Amino acid sequence: MSLLLLTLAGATAEGIAEDYLLSARNLQAREPGAVEKLDTALQRADTTALESIQAAMAVVTDDWLGAACVKDEVPAFLKSSLLGVETQAH
């Protein structure tokens, strides 16, 4: 869900990947082995965090949103809400 919201807000794949990897490393203190688990999963999938995030973001198209029954005004509303920008009344 957070990846979808960040995508709609206009975040870059690089920024999302950087934050994701930082979060995984911060989790290490509470869950030893978290980084190794992440690295192992990515290696098994023959991918990187950035490539995985880019692939997931590429799915979020207008057609995909339409097929998910997301109303046309929702992405703009979410983006403005997440970025703290006032929206125009409809």
PDB file of N, CA and C in Angstrom:
ATOM      1  N   MET A   1       0.829  -1.188   0.000  1.00  0.00           N
ATOM      2  CA  MET A   1       0.000   0.000   0.000  1.00  0.00           C
ATOM      3  C   MET A   1       0.869   1.246   0.000  1.00  0.00           C
ATOM      4  N   SER A   2       1.918   1.214   0.815  1.00  0.00           N
ATOM      5  CA  SER A   2       2.773   2.405   0.874  1.00  0.00           C
ATOM      6  C   SER A   2       3.454   2.649  -0.467  1.00  0.00           C
ATOM      7  N   LEU A   3       3.828   1.586  -1.161  1.00  0.00           N
ATOM      8  CA  LEU A   3       4.441   1.753  -2.476  1.00  0.00           C
ATOM      9  C   LEU A   3       3.455   2.395  -3.446  1.00  0.00           C
ATOM     10  N   LEU A   4       2.210   1.988  -3.401  1.00  0.00           N
ATOM     11  CA  LEU A   4       1.182   2.581  -4.265  1.00  0.00           C
ATOM     12  C   LEU A   4       1.005   4.057  -3.926  1.00  0.00           C
ATOM     13  N   LEU A   5       0.906   4.379  -2.653  1.00  0.00           N
ATOM     14  CA  LEU A   5       0.721   5.778  -2.258  1.00  0.00           C
ATOM     15  C   LEU A   5       1.933   6.628  -2.637  1.00  0.00           C
ATOM     16  N   LEU A   6       3.124   6.107  -2.427  1.00  0.00           N
ATOM     17  CA  LEU A   6       4.333   6.848  -2.812  1.00  0.00           C
ATOM     18  C   LEU A   6       4.392   7.048  -4.326  1.00  0.00           C
ATOM     19  N   THR A   7       3.985   6.040  -5.082  1.00  0.00           N
ATOM     20  CA  THR A   7       3.947   6.159  -6.541  1.00  0.00           C
ATOM     21  C   THR A   7       2.988   7.251  -6.962  1.00  0.00           C
ATOM     22  N   LEU A   8       1.796   7.259  -6.383  1.00  0.00           N
ATOM     23  CA  LEU A   8       0.796   8.279  -6.720  1.00  0.00           C
ATOM     24  C   LEU A   8       1.248   9.672  -6.292  1.00  0.00           C
ATOM     25  N   ALA A   9       2.062   9.732  -5.247  1.00  0.00           N
ATOM     26  CA  ALA A   9       2.556  11.027  -4.765  1.00  0.00           C
ATOM     27  C   ALA A   9       3.704  11.550  -5.616  1.00  0.00           C
ATOM     28  N   GLY A  10       4.216  10.706  -6.522  1.00  0.00           N
ATOM     29  CA  GLY A  10       5.276  11.147  -7.413  1.00  0.00           C
ATOM     30  C   GLY A  10       6.685  10.852  -6.922  1.00  0.00           C
ATOM     31  N   ALA A  11       6.806   9.984  -5.922  1.00  0.00           N
ATOM     32  CA  ALA A  11       8.138   9.613  -5.437  1.00  0.00           C
ATOM     33  C   ALA A  11       8.889   8.860  -6.530  1.00  0.00           C
ATOM     34  N   THR A  12      10.204   8.951  -6.493  1.00  0.00           N
ATOM     35  CA  THR A  12      11.014   8.226  -7.467  1.00  0.00           C
ATOM     36  C   THR A  12      11.301   6.817  -6.950  1.00  0.00           C
ATOM     37  N   ALA A  13      11.552   5.916  -7.880  1.00  0.00           N
ATOM     38  CA  ALA A  13      11.908   4.552  -7.499  1.00  0.00           C
ATOM     39  C   ALA A  13      13.187   4.551  -6.675  1.00  0.00           C
ATOM     40  N   GLU A  14      14.128   5.406  -7.038  1.00  0.00           N
ATOM     41  CA  GLU A  14      15.386   5.490  -6.304  1.00  0.00           C
ATOM     42  C   GLU A  14      15.159   5.928  -4.858  1.00  0.00           C
ATOM     43  N   GLY A  15      14.303   6.914  -4.670  1.00  0.00           N
ATOM     44  CA  GLY A  15      13.999   7.396  -3.324  1.00  0.00           C
ATOM     45  C   GLY A  15      13.289   6.353  -2.487  1.00  0.00           C
ATOM     46  N   ILE A  16      12.351   5.649  -3.107  1.00  0.00           N
ATOM     47  CA  ILE A  16      11.623   4.601  -2.390  1.00  0.00           C
ATOM     48  C   ILE A  16      12.580   3.474  -2.015  1.00  0.00           C
ATOM     49  N   ALA A  17      13.433   3.064  -2.945  1.00  0.00           N
ATOM     50  CA  ALA A  17      14.382   1.981  -2.679  1.00  0.00           C
ATOM     51  C   ALA A  17      15.350   2.375  -1.567  1.00  0.00           C
ATOM     52  N   GLU A  18      15.834   3.595  -1.616  1.00  0.00           N
ATOM     53  CA  GLU A  18      16.760   4.063  -0.587  1.00  0.00           C
ATOM     54  C   GLU A  18      16.103   4.018   0.790  1.00  0.00           C
ATOM     55  N   ASP A  19      14.862   4.491   0.887  1.00  0.00           N
ATOM     56  CA  ASP A  19      14.139   4.481   2.154  1.00  0.00           C
ATOM     57  C   ASP A  19      13.863   3.054   2.608  1.00  0.00           C
ATOM     58  N   TYR A  20      13.486   2.198   1.674  1.00  0.00           N
ATOM     59  CA  TYR A  20      13.187   0.801   1.988  1.00  0.00           C
ATOM     60  C   TYR A  20      14.419   0.099   2.553  1.00  0.00           C
ATOM     61  N   LEU A  21      15.555   0.294   1.900  1.00  0.00           N
ATOM     62  CA  LEU A  21      16.781  -0.344   2.359  1.00  0.00           C
ATOM     63  C   LEU A  21      17.232   0.213   3.708  1.00  0.00           C
ATOM     64  N   LEU A  22      17.050   1.505   3.913  1.00  0.00           N
ATOM     65  CA  LEU A  22      17.375   2.112   5.206  1.00  0.00           C
ATOM     66  C   LEU A  22      16.482   1.518   6.292  1.00  0.00           C
ATOM     67  N   SER A  23      15.205   1.362   6.001  1.00  0.00           N
ATOM     68  CA  SER A  23      14.277   0.775   6.972  1.00  0.00           C
ATOM     69  C   SER A  23      14.680  -0.647   7.319  1.00  0.00           C
ATOM     70  N   ALA A  24      15.087  -1.416   6.313  1.00  0.00           N
ATOM     71  CA  ALA A  24      15.507  -2.793   6.555  1.00  0.00           C
ATOM     72  C   ALA A  24      16.725  -2.819   7.467  1.00  0.00           C
ATOM     73  N   ARG A  25      17.651  -1.913   7.240  1.00  0.00           N
ATOM     74  CA  ARG A  25      18.846  -1.879   8.068  1.00  0.00           C
ATOM     75  C   ARG A  25      18.526  -1.391   9.493  1.00  0.00           C
ATOM     76  N   ASN A  26      17.592  -0.475   9.621  1.00  0.00           N
ATOM     77  CA  ASN A  26      17.179  -0.019  10.954  1.00  0.00           C
ATOM     78  C   ASN A  26      16.460  -1.131  11.710  1.00  0.00           C
ATOM     79  N   LEU A  27      15.793  -1.996  10.997  1.00  0.00           N
ATOM     80  CA  LEU A  27      15.091  -3.124  11.599  1.00  0.00           C
ATOM     81  C   LEU A  27      16.079  -4.139  12.196  1.00  0.00           C
ATOM     82  N   GLN A  28      17.287  -4.106  11.707  1.00  0.00           N
ATOM     83  CA  GLN A  28      18.321  -5.042  12.138  1.00  0.00           C
ATOM     84  C   GLN A  28      18.476  -5.060  13.658  1.00  0.00           C
ATOM     85  N   ALA A  29      18.342  -3.900  14.303  1.00  0.00           N
ATOM     86  CA  ALA A  29      18.499  -3.834  15.760  1.00  0.00           C
ATOM     87  C   ALA A  29      17.415  -4.638  16.474  1.00  0.00           C
ATOM     88  N   ARG A  30      16.211  -4.630  15.934  1.00  0.00           N
ATOM     89  CA  ARG A  30      15.098  -5.368  16.554  1.00  0.00           C
ATOM     90  C   ARG A  30      15.009  -6.802  16.070  1.00  0.00           C
ATOM     91  N   GLU A  31      15.417  -7.007  14.830  1.00  0.00           N
ATOM     92  CA  GLU A  31      15.323  -8.349  14.248  1.00  0.00           C
ATOM     93  C   GLU A  31      16.647  -8.707  13.580  1.00  0.00           C
ATOM     94  N   PRO A  32      17.552  -9.271  14.362  1.00  0.00           N
ATOM     95  CA  PRO A  32      18.841  -9.653  13.784  1.00  0.00           C
ATOM     96  C   PRO A  32      18.640 -10.570  12.583  1.00  0.00           C
ATOM     97  N   GLY A  33      19.388 -10.321  11.555  1.00  0.00           N
ATOM     98  CA  GLY A  33      19.271 -11.133  10.343  1.00  0.00           C
ATOM     99  C   GLY A  33      18.332 -10.545   9.311  1.00  0.00           C
ATOM    100  N   ALA A  34      17.700  -9.403   9.613  1.00  0.00           N
ATOM    101  CA  ALA A  34      16.734  -8.814   8.683  1.00  0.00           C
ATOM    102  C   ALA A  34      17.387  -8.466   7.348  1.00  0.00           C
ATOM    103  N   VAL A  35      18.563  -7.877   7.401  1.00  0.00           N
ATOM    104  CA  VAL A  35      19.254  -7.475   6.173  1.00  0.00           C
ATOM    105  C   VAL A  35      19.635  -8.706   5.363  1.00  0.00           C
ATOM    106  N   GLU A  36      20.129  -9.721   6.043  1.00  0.00           N
ATOM    107  CA  GLU A  36      20.514 -10.945   5.349  1.00  0.00           C
ATOM    108  C   GLU A  36      19.303 -11.607   4.691  1.00  0.00           C
ATOM    109  N   LYS A  37      18.158 -11.599   5.378  1.00  0.00           N
ATOM    110  CA  LYS A  37      16.931 -12.169   4.809  1.00  0.00           C
ATOM    111  C   LYS A  37      16.521 -11.407   3.549  1.00  0.00           C
ATOM    112  N   LEU A  38      16.583 -10.084   3.629  1.00  0.00           N
ATOM    113  CA  LEU A  38      16.241  -9.260   2.472  1.00  0.00           C
ATOM    114  C   LEU A  38      17.202  -9.534   1.324  1.00  0.00           C
ATOM    115  N   ASP A  39      18.498  -9.521   1.622  1.00  0.00           N
ATOM    116  CA  ASP A  39      19.498  -9.766   0.580  1.00  0.00           C
ATOM    117  C   ASP A  39      19.324 -11.138  -0.047  1.00  0.00           C
ATOM    118  N   THR A  40      19.047 -12.148   0.773  1.00  0.00           N
ATOM    119  CA  THR A  40      18.851 -13.507   0.266  1.00  0.00           C
ATOM    120  C   THR A  40      17.622 -13.583  -0.633  1.00  0.00           C
ATOM    121  N   ALA A  41      16.540 -12.957  -0.208  1.00  0.00           N
ATOM    122  CA  ALA A  41      15.312 -12.982  -1.017  1.00  0.00           C
ATOM    123  C   ALA A  41      15.531 -12.303  -2.366  1.00  0.00           C
ATOM    124  N   LEU A  42      16.222 -11.177  -2.358  1.00  0.00           N
ATOM    125  CA  LEU A  42      16.497 -10.475  -3.619  1.00  0.00           C
ATOM    126  C   LEU A  42      17.416 -11.299  -4.515  1.00  0.00           C
ATOM    127  N   GLN A  43      18.426 -11.936  -3.932  1.00  0.00           N
ATOM    128  CA  GLN A  43      19.335 -12.775  -4.720  1.00  0.00           C
ATOM    129  C   GLN A  43      18.603 -13.964  -5.319  1.00  0.00           C
ATOM    130  N   ARG A  44      17.738 -14.595  -4.545  1.00  0.00           N
ATOM    131  CA  ARG A  44      16.964 -15.750  -5.045  1.00  0.00           C
ATOM    132  C   ARG A  44      16.069 -15.342  -6.209  1.00  0.00           C
ATOM    133  N   ALA A  45      15.555 -14.137  -6.150  1.00  0.00           N
ATOM    134  CA  ALA A  45      14.686 -13.634  -7.221  1.00  0.00           C
ATOM    135  C   ALA A  45      15.499 -13.041  -8.370  1.00  0.00           C
ATOM    136  N   ASP A  46      16.812 -13.041  -8.225  1.00  0.00           N
ATOM    137  CA  ASP A  46      17.723 -12.480  -9.231  1.00  0.00           C
ATOM    138  C   ASP A  46      17.338 -11.044  -9.586  1.00  0.00           C
ATOM    139  N   THR A  47      17.175 -10.242  -8.533  1.00  0.00           N
ATOM    140  CA  THR A  47      16.782  -8.851  -8.723  1.00  0.00           C
ATOM    141  C   THR A  47      17.409  -7.999  -7.627  1.00  0.00           C
ATOM    142  N   THR A  48      17.137  -6.721  -7.693  1.00  0.00           N
ATOM    143  CA  THR A  48      17.561  -5.789  -6.657  1.00  0.00           C
ATOM    144  C   THR A  48      16.318  -5.113  -6.098  1.00  0.00           C
ATOM    145  N   ALA A  49      16.482  -4.433  -4.983  1.00  0.00           N
ATOM    146  CA  ALA A  49      15.348  -3.694  -4.413  1.00  0.00           C
ATOM    147  C   ALA A  49      14.865  -2.654  -5.418  1.00  0.00           C
ATOM    148  N   LEU A  50      15.792  -1.940  -6.042  1.00  0.00           N
ATOM    149  CA  LEU A  50      15.410  -0.913  -7.008  1.00  0.00           C
ATOM    150  C   LEU A  50      14.653  -1.520  -8.179  1.00  0.00           C
ATOM    151  N   GLU A  51      15.148  -2.612  -8.735  1.00  0.00           N
ATOM    152  CA  GLU A  51      14.465  -3.250  -9.871  1.00  0.00           C
ATOM    153  C   GLU A  51      13.069  -3.731  -9.488  1.00  0.00           C
ATOM    154  N   SER A  52      12.942  -4.277  -8.290  1.00  0.00           N
ATOM    155  CA  SER A  52      11.630  -4.746  -7.824  1.00  0.00           C
ATOM    156  C   SER A  52      10.652  -3.591  -7.672  1.00  0.00           C
ATOM    157  N   ILE A  53      11.141  -2.504  -7.111  1.00  0.00           N
ATOM    158  CA  ILE A  53      10.293  -1.330  -6.914  1.00  0.00           C
ATOM    159  C   ILE A  53       9.920  -0.712  -8.253  1.00  0.00           C
ATOM    160  N   GLN A  54      10.872  -0.623  -9.174  1.00  0.00           N
ATOM    161  CA  GLN A  54      10.570  -0.092 -10.508  1.00  0.00           C
ATOM    162  C   GLN A  54       9.512  -0.939 -11.203  1.00  0.00           C
ATOM    163  N   ALA A  55       9.622  -2.251 -11.089  1.00  0.00           N
ATOM    164  CA  ALA A  55       8.641  -3.142 -11.720  1.00  0.00           C
ATOM    165  C   ALA A  55       7.253  -2.950 -11.115  1.00  0.00           C
ATOM    166  N   ALA A  56       7.193  -2.818  -9.794  1.00  0.00           N
ATOM    167  CA  ALA A  56       5.901  -2.604  -9.140  1.00  0.00           C
ATOM    168  C   ALA A  56       5.303  -1.261  -9.523  1.00  0.00           C
ATOM    169  N   MET A  57       6.148  -0.238  -9.591  1.00  0.00           N
ATOM    170  CA  MET A  57       5.657   1.094  -9.957  1.00  0.00           C
ATOM    171  C   MET A  57       5.159   1.140 -11.400  1.00  0.00           C
ATOM    172  N   ALA A  58       5.786   0.366 -12.269  1.00  0.00           N
ATOM    173  CA  ALA A  58       5.401   0.358 -13.686  1.00  0.00           C
ATOM    174  C   ALA A  58       3.988  -0.167 -13.896  1.00  0.00           C
ATOM    175  N   VAL A  59       3.494  -0.932 -12.943  1.00  0.00           N
ATOM    176  CA  VAL A  59       2.140  -1.487 -13.032  1.00  0.00           C
ATOM    177  C   VAL A  59       1.083  -0.404 -12.812  1.00  0.00           C
ATOM    178  N   VAL A  60       1.431   0.628 -12.057  1.00  0.00           N
ATOM    179  CA  VAL A  60       0.464   1.659 -11.675  1.00  0.00           C
ATOM    180  C   VAL A  60       0.277   2.643 -12.834  1.00  0.00           C
ATOM    181  N   THR A  61      -0.572   2.243 -13.757  1.00  0.00           N
ATOM    182  CA  THR A  61      -0.908   3.062 -14.922  1.00  0.00           C
ATOM    183  C   THR A  61      -2.357   3.495 -14.807  1.00  0.00           C
ATOM    184  N   ASP A  62      -2.760   4.405 -15.671  1.00  0.00           N
ATOM    185  CA  ASP A  62      -4.168   4.816 -15.691  1.00  0.00           C
ATOM    186  C   ASP A  62      -5.078   3.623 -15.969  1.00  0.00           C
ATOM    187  N   ASP A  63      -4.658   2.736 -16.868  1.00  0.00           N
ATOM    188  CA  ASP A  63      -5.457   1.543 -17.168  1.00  0.00           C
ATOM    189  C   ASP A  63      -5.587   0.636 -15.943  1.00  0.00           C
ATOM    190  N   TRP A  64      -4.470   0.464 -15.224  1.00  0.00           N
ATOM    191  CA  TRP A  64      -4.488  -0.380 -14.032  1.00  0.00           C
ATOM    192  C   TRP A  64      -5.399   0.226 -12.967  1.00  0.00           C
ATOM    193  N   LEU A  65      -5.270   1.536 -12.749  1.00  0.00           N
ATOM    194  CA  LEU A  65      -6.124   2.210 -11.771  1.00  0.00           C
ATOM    195  C   LEU A  65      -7.595   2.084 -12.167  1.00  0.00           C
ATOM    196  N   GLY A  66      -7.883   2.224 -13.468  1.00  0.00           N
ATOM    197  CA  GLY A  66      -9.256   2.073 -13.943  1.00  0.00           C
ATOM    198  C   GLY A  66      -9.781   0.670 -13.712  1.00  0.00           C
ATOM    199  N   ALA A  67      -8.954  -0.331 -14.000  1.00  0.00           N
ATOM    200  CA  ALA A  67      -9.363  -1.726 -13.784  1.00  0.00           C
ATOM    201  C   ALA A  67      -9.587  -2.015 -12.303  1.00  0.00           C
ATOM    202  N   ALA A  68      -8.905  -1.277 -11.439  1.00  0.00           N
ATOM    203  CA  ALA A  68      -9.077  -1.423  -9.994  1.00  0.00           C
ATOM    204  C   ALA A  68     -10.240  -0.570  -9.477  1.00  0.00           C
ATOM    205  N   CYS A  69     -10.968   0.044 -10.407  1.00  0.00           N
ATOM    206  CA  CYS A  69     -12.144   0.876 -10.094  1.00  0.00           C
ATOM    207  C   CYS A  69     -11.789   2.102  -9.260  1.00  0.00           C
ATOM    208  N   VAL A  70     -10.580   2.628  -9.468  1.00  0.00           N
ATOM    209  CA  VAL A  70     -10.183   3.857  -8.799  1.00  0.00           C
ATOM    210  C   VAL A  70     -10.740   5.026  -9.607  1.00  0.00           C
ATOM    211  N   LYS A  71     -11.538   5.845  -8.976  1.00  0.00           N
ATOM    212  CA  LYS A  71     -12.134   6.988  -9.669  1.00  0.00           C
ATOM    213  C   LYS A  71     -11.048   7.942 -10.140  1.00  0.00           C
ATOM    214  N   ASP A  72     -11.294   8.616 -11.251  1.00  0.00           N
ATOM    215  CA  ASP A  72     -10.297   9.473 -11.889  1.00  0.00           C
ATOM    216  C   ASP A  72      -9.709  10.526 -10.953  1.00  0.00           C
ATOM    217  N   GLU A  73     -10.514  11.056 -10.051  1.00  0.00           N
ATOM    218  CA  GLU A  73     -10.033  12.137  -9.188  1.00  0.00           C
ATOM    219  C   GLU A  73      -9.226  11.653  -7.981  1.00  0.00           C
ATOM    220  N   VAL A  74      -9.256  10.372  -7.697  1.00  0.00           N
ATOM    221  CA  VAL A  74      -8.599   9.849  -6.492  1.00  0.00           C
ATOM    222  C   VAL A  74      -7.079  10.002  -6.527  1.00  0.00           C
ATOM    223  N   PRO A  75      -6.376   9.637  -7.606  1.00  0.00           N
ATOM    224  CA  PRO A  75      -4.917   9.805  -7.579  1.00  0.00           C
ATOM    225  C   PRO A  75      -4.481  11.250  -7.310  1.00  0.00           C
ATOM    226  N   ALA A  76      -5.110  12.215  -7.937  1.00  0.00           N
ATOM    227  CA  ALA A  76      -4.749  13.619  -7.705  1.00  0.00           C
ATOM    228  C   ALA A  76      -5.062  14.028  -6.261  1.00  0.00           C
ATOM    229  N   PHE A  77      -6.189  13.555  -5.738  1.00  0.00           N
ATOM    230  CA  PHE A  77      -6.548  13.855  -4.359  1.00  0.00           C
ATOM    231  C   PHE A  77      -5.527  13.262  -3.394  1.00  0.00           C
ATOM    232  N   LEU A  78      -5.152  12.000  -3.611  1.00  0.00           N
ATOM    233  CA  LEU A  78      -4.163  11.360  -2.744  1.00  0.00           C
ATOM    234  C   LEU A  78      -2.822  12.082  -2.805  1.00  0.00           C
ATOM    235  N   LYS A  79      -2.410  12.437  -4.020  1.00  0.00           N
ATOM    236  CA  LYS A  79      -1.131  13.126  -4.175  1.00  0.00           C
ATOM    237  C   LYS A  79      -1.150  14.454  -3.428  1.00  0.00           C
ATOM    238  N   SER A  80      -2.207  15.227  -3.598  1.00  0.00           N
ATOM    239  CA  SER A  80      -2.268  16.521  -2.923  1.00  0.00           C
ATOM    240  C   SER A  80      -2.365  16.346  -1.409  1.00  0.00           C
ATOM    241  N   SER A  81      -3.067  15.319  -0.962  1.00  0.00           N
ATOM    242  CA  SER A  81      -3.178  15.057   0.476  1.00  0.00           C
ATOM    243  C   SER A  81      -1.839  14.645   1.066  1.00  0.00           C
ATOM    244  N   LEU A  82      -1.143  13.771   0.378  1.00  0.00           N
ATOM    245  CA  LEU A  82       0.142  13.292   0.880  1.00  0.00           C
ATOM    246  C   LEU A  82       1.201  14.380   0.882  1.00  0.00           C
ATOM    247  N   LEU A  83       1.110  15.290  -0.085  1.00  0.00           N
ATOM    248  CA  LEU A  83       2.097  16.359  -0.180  1.00  0.00           C
ATOM    249  C   LEU A  83       1.686  17.606   0.585  1.00  0.00           C
ATOM    250  N   GLY A  84       0.492  17.581   1.184  1.00  0.00           N
ATOM    251  CA  GLY A  84       0.024  18.715   1.978  1.00  0.00           C
ATOM    252  C   GLY A  84      -0.368  19.910   1.151  1.00  0.00           C
ATOM    253  N   VAL A  85      -0.893  19.654  -0.041  1.00  0.00           N
ATOM    254  CA  VAL A  85      -1.292  20.722  -0.947  1.00  0.00           C
ATOM    255  C   VAL A  85      -2.813  20.777  -0.968  1.00  0.00           C
ATOM    256  N   GLU A  86      -3.350  21.978  -0.941  1.00  0.00           N
ATOM    257  CA  GLU A  86      -4.805  22.157  -1.015  1.00  0.00           C
ATOM    258  C   GLU A  86      -5.319  21.689  -2.372  1.00  0.00           C
ATOM    259  N   THR A  87      -6.488  21.022  -2.365  1.00  0.00           N
ATOM    260  CA  THR A  87      -7.112  20.622  -3.619  1.00  0.00           C
ATOM    261  C   THR A  87      -8.236  21.574  -3.934  1.00  0.00           C
ATOM    262  N   GLN A  88      -8.556  21.704  -5.198  1.00  0.00           N
ATOM    263  CA  GLN A  88      -9.665  22.538  -5.605  1.00  0.00           C
ATOM    264  C   GLN A  88     -10.964  21.763  -5.411  1.00  0.00           C
ATOM    265  N   ALA A  89     -11.990  22.434  -4.959  1.00  0.00           N
ATOM    266  CA  ALA A  89     -13.285  21.795  -4.779  1.00  0.00           C
ATOM    267  C   ALA A  89     -13.870  21.460  -6.143  1.00  0.00           C
ATOM    268  N   HIS A  90     -14.558  20.327  -6.206  1.00  0.00           N
ATOM    269  CA  HIS A  90     -15.197  19.901  -7.468  1.00  0.00           C
ATOM    270  C   HIS A  90     -16.646  20.272  -7.475  1.00  0.00           C
TER     271      HIS A  90
END
